[in-house]
Each structure stands twice: as structure tokens, then as C-alpha cells.
Amino acid sequence: MVVSMPLGALGTNCFIIKAEQNRAVVIDPASSAEVLEYLGENGLTLGAIIITHGHYDHFAGAAELKERSGAELIAPEADKDMLQSAEESWADFMPVSFRPVTPDRTFSDGDSFSACGVEFSVMAAPGHTAGSCLLFCKTLGNVVFAGDVIFNGSCGRTDGYSGSTSQMMDSLRRIAAIEGDYEIYCGHGPGTTLDNERYNNPYLAGV
């Protein structure tokens, strides 16, 4: 089961996955209060925090969540330095104090990892940031968490630290070529499917 809640000033989609033994995996917590409230109301213990990329609107709540729960923090290797920098992580877009975090574990292209028994595999998709990726969740079936790589009808901007338009276009080409259909959980806005984006997203159709 995946619960989605838009959090923070930029309405970043935070995802909560109920895992084994009443533990939870939280992806991209833009703030902590709402996450802690949901976990408490549902009798869940936070076991892992996953950050899809190094922009502060995707991890502004991570430091407090880790302090309160002791949860493992997992993030892209290529973006780990951004998690320490207010400037690089675009923290100025968030009306909250910057709190850096240090990952307990990192992941890179082609890696597979488990968080509280939830299995993920990683496809690098740089362009929005160097460490941007798709996280395919084997445990949930044909499901992918896309961060800000691809949106419903759009894609992530490329004008920030470590962003690259040419890399984004290469990433979109590889995404368009993925076999089969997947449910996509996007970092902002409504979710979508890979088939829908292949046929209706001008950024994929144009590659």
C-alpha cells in the first residue's frame, strides 16, 4: 500500500509505504509533522527514509524524522553532497530552516536494495540533478518512484546545480524505451503511467 501526501511550500509528493512488521518506508519527506502524525495514527514505526534526489523540497523533513525515529536514510550517491548544501539543494525555495542530512546508505545506477523488506532497483536518470533516478519497486509490482525526472505531461527542470538538459534528454530516451507499462509516482502533481507518458507527454514524444 502506498499513501501519497503533498507536503511543504512546493507541494512535494511524499510517499509512505507500509512494510513488514508494521514498519514504514517514507520517500521524499518535505516536512515531518504530517508524516509523524500519519505514522502515529496508523501504528507504524518509521524504518527507512529514501530521498530520490538532492533538492531540499524533497528532504526538508528528513533530519527531524531521522532524529525522532532512528530510521535509516538512503539517498543517491551522486547527490549526497547536495544534502549538505543549502545553495546546491535550492533550500531558499522552502520557507523553513535548512537542516543537512548524511545518508547511511547510498545507491547508484543498476543497484538493488531493500528497505524494511521493500525491494527497489535503480535506474539512473540524470538531468534534473546528477543523482536523479527512477526507483522501481519490485515489492509493489509495476511501480516506479520518479522523483522530479518525469511528471504527468512534463519533466523536471534542468537549470539547477548539476542539472543538464542534454542528460535529461538522454534519460527521457531511455525511459521511453522501457518495455511494458508502469504506474509512476511523481514528485509533484498527479501520478501517471509510462504508457500514458509515452503517448501524451511531449517531452517523451519529442525524443
Protein backbone atom coordinates (compact mmCIF):
# COMPACT_ATOMS: atom_id res chain seq x y z
CA MET A 1 0.00 0.00 0.00
CA VAL A 2 1.27 3.47 -0.91
CA VAL A 3 -0.07 6.64 0.70
CA SER A 4 0.68 9.94 -1.02
CA MET A 5 0.60 13.31 0.70
CA PRO A 6 1.69 16.65 -0.83
CA LEU A 7 3.87 18.47 1.68
CA GLY A 8 5.71 21.74 2.05
CA ALA A 9 5.55 25.03 0.19
CA LEU A 10 6.07 23.34 -3.18
CA GLY A 11 3.52 20.57 -2.69
CA THR A 12 6.13 17.84 -2.95
CA ASN A 13 4.62 14.38 -3.02
CA CYS A 14 5.76 12.36 -0.01
CA PHE A 15 5.04 8.64 -0.24
CA ILE A 16 4.59 6.27 2.69
CA ILE A 17 4.84 2.54 2.07
CA LYS A 18 3.60 0.13 4.72
CA ALA A 19 6.29 -2.51 5.09
CA GLU A 20 6.75 -5.68 7.11
CA GLN A 21 6.24 -5.78 10.90
CA ASN A 22 4.25 -2.52 10.92
CA ARG A 23 7.23 -0.54 9.73
CA ALA A 24 7.07 2.19 7.12
CA VAL A 25 9.29 3.46 4.34
CA VAL A 26 8.96 7.18 3.64
CA ILE A 27 10.05 8.63 0.31
CA ASP A 28 10.82 12.36 -0.07
CA PRO A 29 9.57 13.91 3.18
CA ALA A 30 9.26 17.65 2.57
CA SER A 31 8.21 18.08 6.19
CA SER A 32 7.98 15.88 9.24
CA ALA A 33 4.85 16.78 11.24
CA GLU A 34 2.32 15.28 8.84
CA VAL A 35 4.39 12.13 8.41
CA LEU A 36 4.74 11.62 12.17
CA GLU A 37 1.00 12.19 12.63
CA TYR A 38 0.13 9.61 9.98
CA LEU A 39 2.54 7.05 11.38
CA GLY A 40 1.19 7.52 14.89
CA GLU A 41 -2.45 7.27 13.82
CA ASN A 42 -1.74 4.05 11.95
CA GLY A 43 0.53 2.36 14.45
CA LEU A 44 3.55 2.38 12.15
CA THR A 45 7.23 2.70 13.03
CA LEU A 46 9.45 4.55 10.59
CA GLY A 47 12.19 2.21 9.43
CA ALA A 48 13.67 3.93 6.37
CA ILE A 49 13.73 7.31 4.64
CA ILE A 50 14.53 7.39 0.93
CA ILE A 51 15.46 10.60 -0.87
CA THR A 52 15.08 10.49 -4.65
CA HIS A 53 17.37 13.46 -5.33
CA GLY A 54 19.14 16.32 -3.63
CA HIS A 55 16.63 19.18 -3.70
CA TYR A 56 15.50 20.43 -0.31
CA ASP A 57 11.81 20.29 -1.09
CA HIS A 58 12.31 16.50 -1.13
CA PHE A 59 14.16 16.15 2.17
CA ALA A 60 13.34 19.14 4.39
CA GLY A 61 11.69 16.83 6.94
CA ALA A 62 14.33 14.11 6.82
CA ALA A 63 16.59 15.35 9.64
CA GLU A 64 13.80 15.50 12.21
CA LEU A 65 12.30 12.21 11.09
CA LYS A 66 15.67 10.52 11.49
CA GLU A 67 16.22 12.09 14.90
CA ARG A 68 12.78 11.04 16.13
CA SER A 69 12.85 7.51 14.76
CA GLY A 70 16.44 6.43 14.17
CA ALA A 71 15.35 5.39 10.67
CA GLU A 72 17.97 4.57 8.06
CA LEU A 73 18.48 7.34 5.50
CA ILE A 74 19.07 6.23 1.89
CA ALA A 75 19.90 8.60 -0.98
CA PRO A 76 21.61 8.79 -4.40
CA GLU A 77 25.40 8.63 -4.25
CA ALA A 78 25.75 11.34 -6.92
CA ASP A 79 23.62 13.82 -4.93
CA LYS A 80 24.95 13.16 -1.41
CA ASP A 81 26.94 16.42 -1.32
CA MET A 82 23.79 18.38 -2.19
CA LEU A 83 22.21 17.12 1.03
CA GLN A 84 24.83 19.18 2.90
CA SER A 85 24.43 22.42 0.92
CA ALA A 86 21.59 24.93 1.18
CA GLU A 87 22.71 26.59 -2.05
CA GLU A 88 23.07 23.43 -4.12
CA SER A 89 19.83 21.93 -2.80
CA TRP A 90 17.72 25.02 -3.56
CA ALA A 91 16.77 25.38 0.10
CA ASP A 92 15.84 29.02 -0.49
CA PHE A 93 12.67 27.80 -2.20
CA MET A 94 11.49 26.44 1.17
CA PRO A 95 10.35 28.80 3.98
CA VAL A 96 11.98 26.61 6.64
CA SER A 97 15.48 26.44 8.06
CA PHE A 98 17.99 24.29 6.21
CA ARG A 99 18.91 21.08 8.00
CA PRO A 100 21.55 18.99 6.22
CA VAL A 101 21.49 15.21 6.33
CA THR A 102 24.05 12.48 5.77
CA PRO A 103 22.92 9.21 4.17
CA ASP A 104 23.51 5.93 5.97
CA ARG A 105 23.48 4.23 2.58
CA THR A 106 23.67 5.44 -1.00
CA PHE A 107 22.60 3.94 -4.30
CA SER A 108 23.70 4.27 -7.91
CA ASP A 109 22.63 3.11 -11.36
CA GLY A 110 21.93 -0.62 -11.53
CA ASP A 111 21.84 -1.12 -7.77
CA SER A 112 19.18 -3.10 -5.97
CA PHE A 113 18.47 -2.51 -2.31
CA SER A 114 15.98 -3.43 0.38
CA ALA A 115 14.38 -1.06 2.90
CA CYS A 116 12.34 -2.75 5.62
CA GLY A 117 11.80 -5.67 3.25
CA VAL A 118 10.62 -3.43 0.39
CA GLU A 119 12.75 -4.16 -2.68
CA PHE A 120 13.94 -1.45 -5.07
CA SER A 121 16.06 -1.35 -8.20
CA VAL A 122 17.71 1.80 -9.51
CA MET A 123 17.83 3.28 -12.99
CA ALA A 124 19.91 6.45 -13.19
CA ALA A 125 18.08 9.29 -14.94
CA PRO A 126 20.31 12.38 -14.59
CA GLY A 127 19.28 15.75 -15.93
CA HIS A 128 17.23 17.34 -13.16
CA THR A 129 20.19 16.59 -10.89
CA ALA A 130 23.19 14.32 -11.37
CA GLY A 131 21.74 11.74 -8.99
CA SER A 132 18.14 11.78 -10.22
CA CYS A 133 16.83 8.30 -10.88
CA LEU A 134 13.87 6.00 -11.21
CA LEU A 135 13.26 3.67 -8.28
CA PHE A 136 11.44 0.55 -9.44
CA CYS A 137 9.66 -1.07 -6.51
CA LYS A 138 9.60 -4.81 -7.14
CA THR A 139 7.60 -5.45 -3.98
CA LEU A 140 4.66 -3.36 -5.22
CA GLY A 141 4.72 -4.74 -8.77
CA ASN A 142 5.00 -2.49 -11.82
CA VAL A 143 5.54 0.66 -9.78
CA VAL A 144 8.21 3.32 -10.10
CA PHE A 145 9.01 6.35 -7.95
CA ALA A 146 10.31 9.00 -10.33
CA GLY A 147 11.18 11.99 -8.14
CA ASP A 148 11.34 15.02 -10.44
CA VAL A 149 12.54 13.16 -13.53
CA ILE A 150 9.15 12.82 -15.18
CA PHE A 151 5.75 14.31 -14.40
CA ASN A 152 2.27 13.83 -15.78
CA GLY A 153 2.74 15.56 -19.13
CA SER A 154 6.09 17.14 -18.32
CA CYS A 155 9.59 16.59 -16.94
CA GLY A 156 11.91 18.14 -14.38
CA ARG A 157 13.70 21.42 -14.94
CA THR A 158 17.42 21.33 -15.65
CA ASP A 159 18.69 24.75 -14.58
CA GLY A 160 19.78 23.88 -11.04
CA TYR A 161 23.04 22.63 -9.58
CA SER A 162 24.28 19.56 -11.54
CA GLY A 163 21.31 19.83 -13.91
CA SER A 164 21.83 19.14 -17.61
CA THR A 165 19.39 19.44 -20.49
CA SER A 166 21.37 17.02 -22.65
CA GLN A 167 21.44 14.44 -19.86
CA MET A 168 17.71 14.90 -19.33
CA MET A 169 17.03 14.21 -23.00
CA ASP A 170 19.18 11.07 -22.84
CA SER A 171 17.31 9.95 -19.73
CA LEU A 172 13.93 10.53 -21.37
CA ARG A 173 15.02 8.47 -24.38
CA ARG A 174 15.89 5.57 -22.11
CA ILE A 175 12.64 5.94 -20.20
CA ALA A 176 10.61 5.92 -23.42
CA ALA A 177 12.34 2.70 -24.42
CA ILE A 178 11.50 0.81 -21.21
CA GLU A 179 9.46 -2.28 -22.03
CA GLY A 180 6.00 -2.66 -20.56
CA ASP A 181 3.84 -0.31 -18.56
CA TYR A 182 4.43 1.05 -15.06
CA GLU A 183 2.49 3.10 -12.56
CA ILE A 184 4.55 6.25 -11.97
CA TYR A 185 4.55 8.10 -8.66
CA CYS A 186 5.77 11.60 -9.49
CA GLY A 187 7.50 14.09 -7.20
CA HIS A 188 4.87 16.76 -7.90
CA GLY A 189 1.33 16.68 -9.24
CA PRO A 190 -0.78 13.67 -10.12
CA GLY A 191 0.61 10.24 -10.84
CA THR A 192 0.56 8.69 -14.26
CA THR A 193 1.61 5.61 -16.21
CA LEU A 194 4.51 5.02 -18.53
CA ASP A 195 2.18 4.23 -21.42
CA ASN A 196 0.30 7.48 -20.88
CA GLU A 197 3.53 9.45 -20.93
CA ARG A 198 4.85 7.65 -23.99
CA TYR A 199 1.79 8.74 -25.95
CA ASN A 200 0.88 12.08 -24.38
CA ASN A 201 3.97 13.65 -22.83
CA PRO A 202 5.56 15.99 -25.42
CA TYR A 203 8.96 15.61 -23.76
CA LEU A 204 8.92 11.86 -24.34
CA ALA A 205 7.30 12.07 -27.76
CA GLY A 206 9.98 14.51 -28.85
CA VAL A 207 12.90 12.22 -28.08
